[in-house]
Amino acid sequence: MSGNPARPAAGTDLCALDEITEPGAKSFRFRAEAAMFAGVVVRVGEEIRGYVDSCPHAGWPLSALDDRYLTRDHRHILCAGHGALFTPLTGECVAGPCFGEHLSPWPVEVREGRVVTA
């Protein structure tokens, strides 16, 4: 658990798995007073991964549009700010100014067809 009071607690229900296109991504925002937490869940097949919606290079959100994180060929997560590319299931930057760095994980899992925080 991070020190961010807006980060949802483990077990928080996010959505049904079928609400995330395959392949695809869905953004989530949580607010607690002045604090905000932004996360993204990426789906590839039946596998999902959650990441904090923040570029490791610049700290800004990865996408300016909700749920629009993957490249057109769905092979990478794209940072819209500077074009860095990340692998969806590992979060590793494979191209761009943060090459070799990783997106910060946000633990999520599927329980009975629902995506929840872990």
N, C-alpha and C. Protein backbone atom coordinates (compact mmCIF):
# COMPACT_ATOMS: atom_id res chain seq x y z
N MET A 1 0.86 -1.18 0.00
CA MET A 1 0.00 0.00 0.00
C MET A 1 0.89 1.24 0.00
N SER A 2 0.57 2.18 -0.85
CA SER A 2 1.35 3.41 -0.91
C SER A 2 0.86 4.38 0.16
N GLY A 3 1.56 5.48 0.31
CA GLY A 3 1.15 6.51 1.24
C GLY A 3 0.04 7.39 0.69
N ASN A 4 -0.47 7.09 -0.49
CA ASN A 4 -1.51 7.90 -1.11
C ASN A 4 -2.86 7.50 -0.51
N PRO A 5 -3.53 8.40 0.20
CA PRO A 5 -4.81 8.04 0.82
C PRO A 5 -5.92 7.76 -0.18
N ALA A 6 -5.74 8.14 -1.44
CA ALA A 6 -6.76 7.89 -2.45
C ALA A 6 -6.60 6.53 -3.11
N ARG A 7 -5.48 5.86 -2.87
CA ARG A 7 -5.27 4.53 -3.47
C ARG A 7 -6.28 3.56 -2.85
N PRO A 8 -7.04 2.84 -3.68
CA PRO A 8 -8.09 1.97 -3.14
C PRO A 8 -7.51 0.79 -2.36
N ALA A 9 -8.21 0.39 -1.33
CA ALA A 9 -7.79 -0.73 -0.49
C ALA A 9 -7.91 -2.05 -1.24
N ALA A 10 -7.17 -3.04 -0.79
CA ALA A 10 -7.26 -4.38 -1.36
C ALA A 10 -8.70 -4.86 -1.27
N GLY A 11 -9.14 -5.51 -2.33
CA GLY A 11 -10.50 -6.02 -2.38
C GLY A 11 -11.51 -5.07 -2.99
N THR A 12 -11.08 -3.87 -3.37
CA THR A 12 -11.98 -2.91 -3.99
C THR A 12 -12.40 -3.42 -5.37
N ASP A 13 -13.70 -3.48 -5.60
CA ASP A 13 -14.24 -3.93 -6.88
C ASP A 13 -14.06 -2.82 -7.91
N LEU A 14 -13.45 -3.15 -9.04
CA LEU A 14 -13.21 -2.16 -10.09
C LEU A 14 -14.22 -2.27 -11.23
N CYS A 15 -14.39 -3.47 -11.78
CA CYS A 15 -15.31 -3.67 -12.90
C CYS A 15 -15.40 -5.15 -13.21
N ALA A 16 -16.31 -5.50 -14.10
CA ALA A 16 -16.35 -6.86 -14.63
C ALA A 16 -15.20 -7.03 -15.61
N LEU A 17 -14.62 -8.22 -15.66
CA LEU A 17 -13.52 -8.47 -16.60
C LEU A 17 -13.95 -8.16 -18.02
N ASP A 18 -15.19 -8.50 -18.39
CA ASP A 18 -15.62 -8.28 -19.77
C ASP A 18 -15.87 -6.81 -20.11
N GLU A 19 -15.71 -5.91 -19.13
CA GLU A 19 -15.77 -4.47 -19.42
C GLU A 19 -14.45 -3.95 -19.97
N ILE A 20 -13.41 -4.79 -19.92
CA ILE A 20 -12.11 -4.43 -20.49
C ILE A 20 -11.97 -5.21 -21.79
N THR A 21 -11.86 -4.49 -22.89
CA THR A 21 -11.73 -5.16 -24.18
C THR A 21 -10.48 -6.03 -24.20
N GLU A 22 -10.46 -6.98 -25.11
CA GLU A 22 -9.31 -7.88 -25.21
C GLU A 22 -8.76 -7.83 -26.62
N PRO A 23 -7.53 -7.37 -26.82
CA PRO A 23 -6.71 -6.70 -25.80
C PRO A 23 -7.21 -5.28 -25.58
N GLY A 24 -6.93 -4.76 -24.41
CA GLY A 24 -7.37 -3.40 -24.11
C GLY A 24 -6.93 -2.95 -22.74
N ALA A 25 -7.44 -1.79 -22.36
CA ALA A 25 -7.08 -1.20 -21.08
C ALA A 25 -8.24 -0.35 -20.58
N LYS A 26 -8.30 -0.18 -19.28
CA LYS A 26 -9.34 0.64 -18.67
C LYS A 26 -8.71 1.46 -17.56
N SER A 27 -9.05 2.73 -17.54
CA SER A 27 -8.49 3.64 -16.54
C SER A 27 -9.43 3.77 -15.34
N PHE A 28 -8.84 4.05 -14.19
CA PHE A 28 -9.59 4.22 -12.94
C PHE A 28 -9.02 5.41 -12.20
N ARG A 29 -9.90 6.21 -11.61
CA ARG A 29 -9.50 7.38 -10.83
C ARG A 29 -10.21 7.34 -9.48
N PHE A 30 -9.45 7.62 -8.44
CA PHE A 30 -10.00 7.66 -7.09
C PHE A 30 -9.55 8.95 -6.43
N ARG A 31 -10.44 9.54 -5.65
CA ARG A 31 -10.11 10.79 -4.96
C ARG A 31 -10.46 10.65 -3.48
N ALA A 32 -9.58 11.18 -2.64
CA ALA A 32 -9.82 11.28 -1.21
C ALA A 32 -9.38 12.67 -0.80
N GLU A 33 -10.34 13.56 -0.64
CA GLU A 33 -10.09 14.98 -0.38
C GLU A 33 -9.18 15.53 -1.48
N ALA A 34 -7.99 16.03 -1.14
CA ALA A 34 -7.13 16.63 -2.16
C ALA A 34 -6.26 15.61 -2.89
N ALA A 35 -6.21 14.37 -2.39
CA ALA A 35 -5.36 13.34 -3.00
C ALA A 35 -6.10 12.63 -4.13
N MET A 36 -5.34 12.24 -5.16
CA MET A 36 -5.90 11.49 -6.27
C MET A 36 -5.01 10.32 -6.61
N PHE A 37 -5.63 9.20 -6.96
CA PHE A 37 -4.90 8.02 -7.43
C PHE A 37 -5.44 7.67 -8.81
N ALA A 38 -4.54 7.46 -9.76
CA ALA A 38 -4.92 7.07 -11.11
C ALA A 38 -4.24 5.74 -11.43
N GLY A 39 -5.05 4.80 -11.90
CA GLY A 39 -4.52 3.49 -12.26
C GLY A 39 -5.08 3.05 -13.59
N VAL A 40 -4.41 2.06 -14.18
CA VAL A 40 -4.86 1.48 -15.44
C VAL A 40 -4.74 -0.04 -15.32
N VAL A 41 -5.77 -0.73 -15.81
CA VAL A 41 -5.73 -2.19 -15.88
C VAL A 41 -5.66 -2.56 -17.36
N VAL A 42 -4.67 -3.39 -17.70
CA VAL A 42 -4.44 -3.84 -19.07
C VAL A 42 -4.83 -5.32 -19.17
N ARG A 43 -5.50 -5.66 -20.24
CA ARG A 43 -5.91 -7.05 -20.46
C ARG A 43 -5.30 -7.57 -21.76
N VAL A 44 -4.68 -8.73 -21.68
CA VAL A 44 -4.17 -9.45 -22.84
C VAL A 44 -4.63 -10.89 -22.67
N GLY A 45 -5.59 -11.31 -23.48
CA GLY A 45 -6.19 -12.62 -23.31
C GLY A 45 -6.95 -12.63 -22.00
N GLU A 46 -6.70 -13.62 -21.19
CA GLU A 46 -7.34 -13.68 -19.87
C GLU A 46 -6.43 -13.11 -18.78
N GLU A 47 -5.26 -12.61 -19.17
CA GLU A 47 -4.33 -12.05 -18.19
C GLU A 47 -4.57 -10.56 -18.03
N ILE A 48 -4.46 -10.10 -16.80
CA ILE A 48 -4.58 -8.67 -16.54
C ILE A 48 -3.39 -8.22 -15.71
N ARG A 49 -3.07 -6.95 -15.85
CA ARG A 49 -2.04 -6.31 -15.04
C ARG A 49 -2.53 -4.91 -14.71
N GLY A 50 -2.21 -4.46 -13.52
CA GLY A 50 -2.54 -3.11 -13.12
C GLY A 50 -1.27 -2.29 -12.94
N TYR A 51 -1.34 -1.03 -13.34
CA TYR A 51 -0.21 -0.12 -13.20
C TYR A 51 -0.71 1.23 -12.71
N VAL A 52 0.14 1.91 -11.97
CA VAL A 52 -0.13 3.30 -11.63
C VAL A 52 -0.04 4.07 -12.95
N ASP A 53 -1.01 4.93 -13.20
CA ASP A 53 -1.07 5.67 -14.46
C ASP A 53 -0.13 6.86 -14.39
N SER A 54 1.16 6.55 -14.49
CA SER A 54 2.19 7.59 -14.39
C SER A 54 3.44 7.14 -15.13
N CYS A 55 3.91 7.96 -16.05
CA CYS A 55 5.12 7.65 -16.79
C CYS A 55 6.33 7.69 -15.85
N PRO A 56 7.19 6.66 -15.86
CA PRO A 56 8.36 6.68 -14.97
C PRO A 56 9.39 7.74 -15.37
N HIS A 57 9.30 8.24 -16.59
CA HIS A 57 10.24 9.26 -17.06
C HIS A 57 9.83 10.65 -16.63
N ALA A 58 8.55 10.98 -16.78
CA ALA A 58 8.12 12.36 -16.53
C ALA A 58 7.10 12.51 -15.42
N GLY A 59 6.48 11.41 -15.00
CA GLY A 59 5.51 11.49 -13.92
C GLY A 59 4.10 11.90 -14.34
N TRP A 60 3.89 12.17 -15.62
CA TRP A 60 2.56 12.56 -16.05
C TRP A 60 1.75 11.33 -16.44
N PRO A 61 0.41 11.47 -16.59
CA PRO A 61 -0.41 10.33 -17.00
C PRO A 61 0.03 9.78 -18.36
N LEU A 62 -0.13 8.48 -18.55
CA LEU A 62 0.28 7.84 -19.79
C LEU A 62 -0.60 8.23 -20.97
N SER A 63 -1.88 8.48 -20.72
CA SER A 63 -2.81 8.81 -21.80
C SER A 63 -3.65 10.01 -21.42
N ALA A 64 -3.96 10.80 -22.40
CA ALA A 64 -4.84 11.95 -22.18
C ALA A 64 -6.31 11.55 -22.28
N LEU A 65 -6.58 10.36 -22.83
CA LEU A 65 -7.95 9.89 -23.02
C LEU A 65 -8.19 8.63 -22.21
N ASP A 66 -9.31 8.55 -21.52
CA ASP A 66 -9.64 7.36 -20.74
C ASP A 66 -9.62 6.13 -21.63
N ASP A 67 -9.05 5.08 -21.11
CA ASP A 67 -9.05 3.75 -21.72
C ASP A 67 -8.26 3.65 -23.02
N ARG A 68 -7.50 4.66 -23.40
CA ARG A 68 -6.74 4.66 -24.67
C ARG A 68 -5.23 4.58 -24.35
N TYR A 69 -4.77 3.40 -24.02
CA TYR A 69 -3.38 3.22 -23.60
C TYR A 69 -2.55 2.40 -24.57
N LEU A 70 -3.17 1.53 -25.34
CA LEU A 70 -2.42 0.64 -26.20
C LEU A 70 -2.16 1.26 -27.57
N THR A 71 -1.05 0.83 -28.17
CA THR A 71 -0.75 1.25 -29.54
C THR A 71 -1.81 0.65 -30.47
N ARG A 72 -1.86 1.13 -31.70
CA ARG A 72 -2.87 0.65 -32.64
C ARG A 72 -2.81 -0.85 -32.88
N ASP A 73 -1.61 -1.42 -32.82
CA ASP A 73 -1.47 -2.87 -33.01
C ASP A 73 -1.65 -3.64 -31.71
N HIS A 74 -1.93 -2.94 -30.61
CA HIS A 74 -2.20 -3.53 -29.29
C HIS A 74 -1.00 -4.25 -28.68
N ARG A 75 0.18 -4.01 -29.19
CA ARG A 75 1.36 -4.72 -28.69
C ARG A 75 2.03 -4.02 -27.51
N HIS A 76 1.77 -2.71 -27.35
CA HIS A 76 2.45 -1.95 -26.30
C HIS A 76 1.52 -0.94 -25.65
N ILE A 77 1.88 -0.58 -24.43
CA ILE A 77 1.28 0.58 -23.77
C ILE A 77 2.10 1.78 -24.25
N LEU A 78 1.41 2.83 -24.65
CA LEU A 78 2.07 4.02 -25.19
C LEU A 78 1.94 5.18 -24.22
N CYS A 79 3.07 5.85 -23.93
CA CYS A 79 3.02 7.12 -23.21
C CYS A 79 2.78 8.20 -24.26
N ALA A 80 1.61 8.82 -24.20
CA ALA A 80 1.25 9.82 -25.20
C ALA A 80 2.12 11.07 -25.10
N GLY A 81 2.76 11.30 -23.97
CA GLY A 81 3.58 12.49 -23.80
C GLY A 81 4.85 12.48 -24.61
N HIS A 82 5.53 11.33 -24.71
CA HIS A 82 6.79 11.30 -25.45
C HIS A 82 7.02 10.03 -26.23
N GLY A 83 6.00 9.18 -26.33
CA GLY A 83 6.10 8.03 -27.20
C GLY A 83 6.79 6.81 -26.64
N ALA A 84 7.08 6.78 -25.35
CA ALA A 84 7.70 5.58 -24.77
C ALA A 84 6.74 4.40 -24.92
N LEU A 85 7.31 3.22 -25.12
CA LEU A 85 6.52 2.00 -25.27
C LEU A 85 6.84 1.03 -24.14
N PHE A 86 5.78 0.43 -23.58
CA PHE A 86 5.92 -0.50 -22.47
C PHE A 86 5.24 -1.82 -22.82
N THR A 87 5.81 -2.93 -22.39
CA THR A 87 5.15 -4.22 -22.63
C THR A 87 3.96 -4.35 -21.68
N PRO A 88 2.80 -4.76 -22.18
CA PRO A 88 1.60 -4.79 -21.36
C PRO A 88 1.65 -5.70 -20.14
N LEU A 89 2.32 -6.85 -20.24
CA LEU A 89 2.28 -7.79 -19.13
C LEU A 89 3.44 -7.67 -18.16
N THR A 90 4.46 -6.86 -18.51
CA THR A 90 5.57 -6.66 -17.57
C THR A 90 5.74 -5.20 -17.16
N GLY A 91 5.22 -4.28 -17.96
CA GLY A 91 5.37 -2.85 -17.68
C GLY A 91 6.75 -2.31 -18.01
N GLU A 92 7.60 -3.12 -18.65
CA GLU A 92 8.95 -2.68 -18.97
C GLU A 92 8.94 -1.74 -20.17
N CYS A 93 9.70 -0.65 -20.07
CA CYS A 93 9.85 0.28 -21.18
C CYS A 93 10.84 -0.34 -22.18
N VAL A 94 10.36 -0.52 -23.42
CA VAL A 94 11.19 -1.14 -24.45
C VAL A 94 11.63 -0.13 -25.52
N ALA A 95 11.13 1.10 -25.44
CA ALA A 95 11.55 2.15 -26.36
C ALA A 95 11.21 3.50 -25.75
N GLY A 96 12.11 4.45 -25.91
CA GLY A 96 11.86 5.79 -25.40
C GLY A 96 12.86 6.20 -24.34
N PRO A 97 12.68 7.39 -23.75
CA PRO A 97 13.66 7.95 -22.82
C PRO A 97 13.76 7.20 -21.49
N CYS A 98 12.81 6.32 -21.19
CA CYS A 98 12.88 5.57 -19.93
C CYS A 98 13.20 4.10 -20.19
N PHE A 99 13.89 3.81 -21.31
CA PHE A 99 14.23 2.44 -21.70
C PHE A 99 14.78 1.66 -20.50
N GLY A 100 14.21 0.48 -20.28
CA GLY A 100 14.66 -0.40 -19.19
C GLY A 100 13.96 -0.15 -17.87
N GLU A 101 13.31 0.98 -17.71
CA GLU A 101 12.55 1.23 -16.49
C GLU A 101 11.21 0.51 -16.58
N HIS A 102 10.44 0.53 -15.49
CA HIS A 102 9.15 -0.15 -15.45
C HIS A 102 8.06 0.77 -14.94
N LEU A 103 6.86 0.51 -15.41
CA LEU A 103 5.69 1.15 -14.81
C LEU A 103 5.54 0.62 -13.39
N SER A 104 5.01 1.45 -12.50
CA SER A 104 4.80 1.01 -11.12
C SER A 104 3.59 0.09 -11.07
N PRO A 105 3.76 -1.11 -10.50
CA PRO A 105 2.63 -2.05 -10.46
C PRO A 105 1.53 -1.59 -9.51
N TRP A 106 0.31 -1.92 -9.87
CA TRP A 106 -0.87 -1.73 -9.04
C TRP A 106 -1.53 -3.11 -8.99
N PRO A 107 -1.37 -3.84 -7.90
CA PRO A 107 -1.84 -5.22 -7.86
C PRO A 107 -3.36 -5.34 -8.04
N VAL A 108 -3.74 -6.13 -9.03
CA VAL A 108 -5.14 -6.42 -9.31
C VAL A 108 -5.27 -7.91 -9.62
N GLU A 109 -6.48 -8.44 -9.51
CA GLU A 109 -6.74 -9.83 -9.84
C GLU A 109 -8.19 -10.00 -10.24
N VAL A 110 -8.48 -11.15 -10.82
CA VAL A 110 -9.86 -11.46 -11.20
C VAL A 110 -10.43 -12.43 -10.18
N ARG A 111 -11.59 -12.07 -9.64
CA ARG A 111 -12.32 -12.94 -8.71
C ARG A 111 -13.75 -13.07 -9.21
N GLU A 112 -14.13 -14.28 -9.55
CA GLU A 112 -15.49 -14.55 -10.00
C GLU A 112 -15.94 -13.60 -11.13
N GLY A 113 -15.02 -13.38 -12.07
CA GLY A 113 -15.33 -12.55 -13.23
C GLY A 113 -15.24 -11.06 -12.99
N ARG A 114 -14.82 -10.66 -11.80
CA ARG A 114 -14.68 -9.23 -11.46
C ARG A 114 -13.21 -8.89 -11.27
N VAL A 115 -12.82 -7.70 -11.70
CA VAL A 115 -11.47 -7.20 -11.47
C VAL A 115 -11.49 -6.45 -10.15
N VAL A 116 -10.61 -6.85 -9.24
CA VAL A 116 -10.53 -6.23 -7.91
C VAL A 116 -9.08 -5.91 -7.60
N THR A 117 -8.88 -4.98 -6.68
CA THR A 117 -7.53 -4.68 -6.23
C THR A 117 -7.06 -5.82 -5.33
N ALA A 118 -5.78 -6.12 -5.39
CA ALA A 118 -5.23 -7.22 -4.60
C ALA A 118 -4.44 -6.69 -3.42
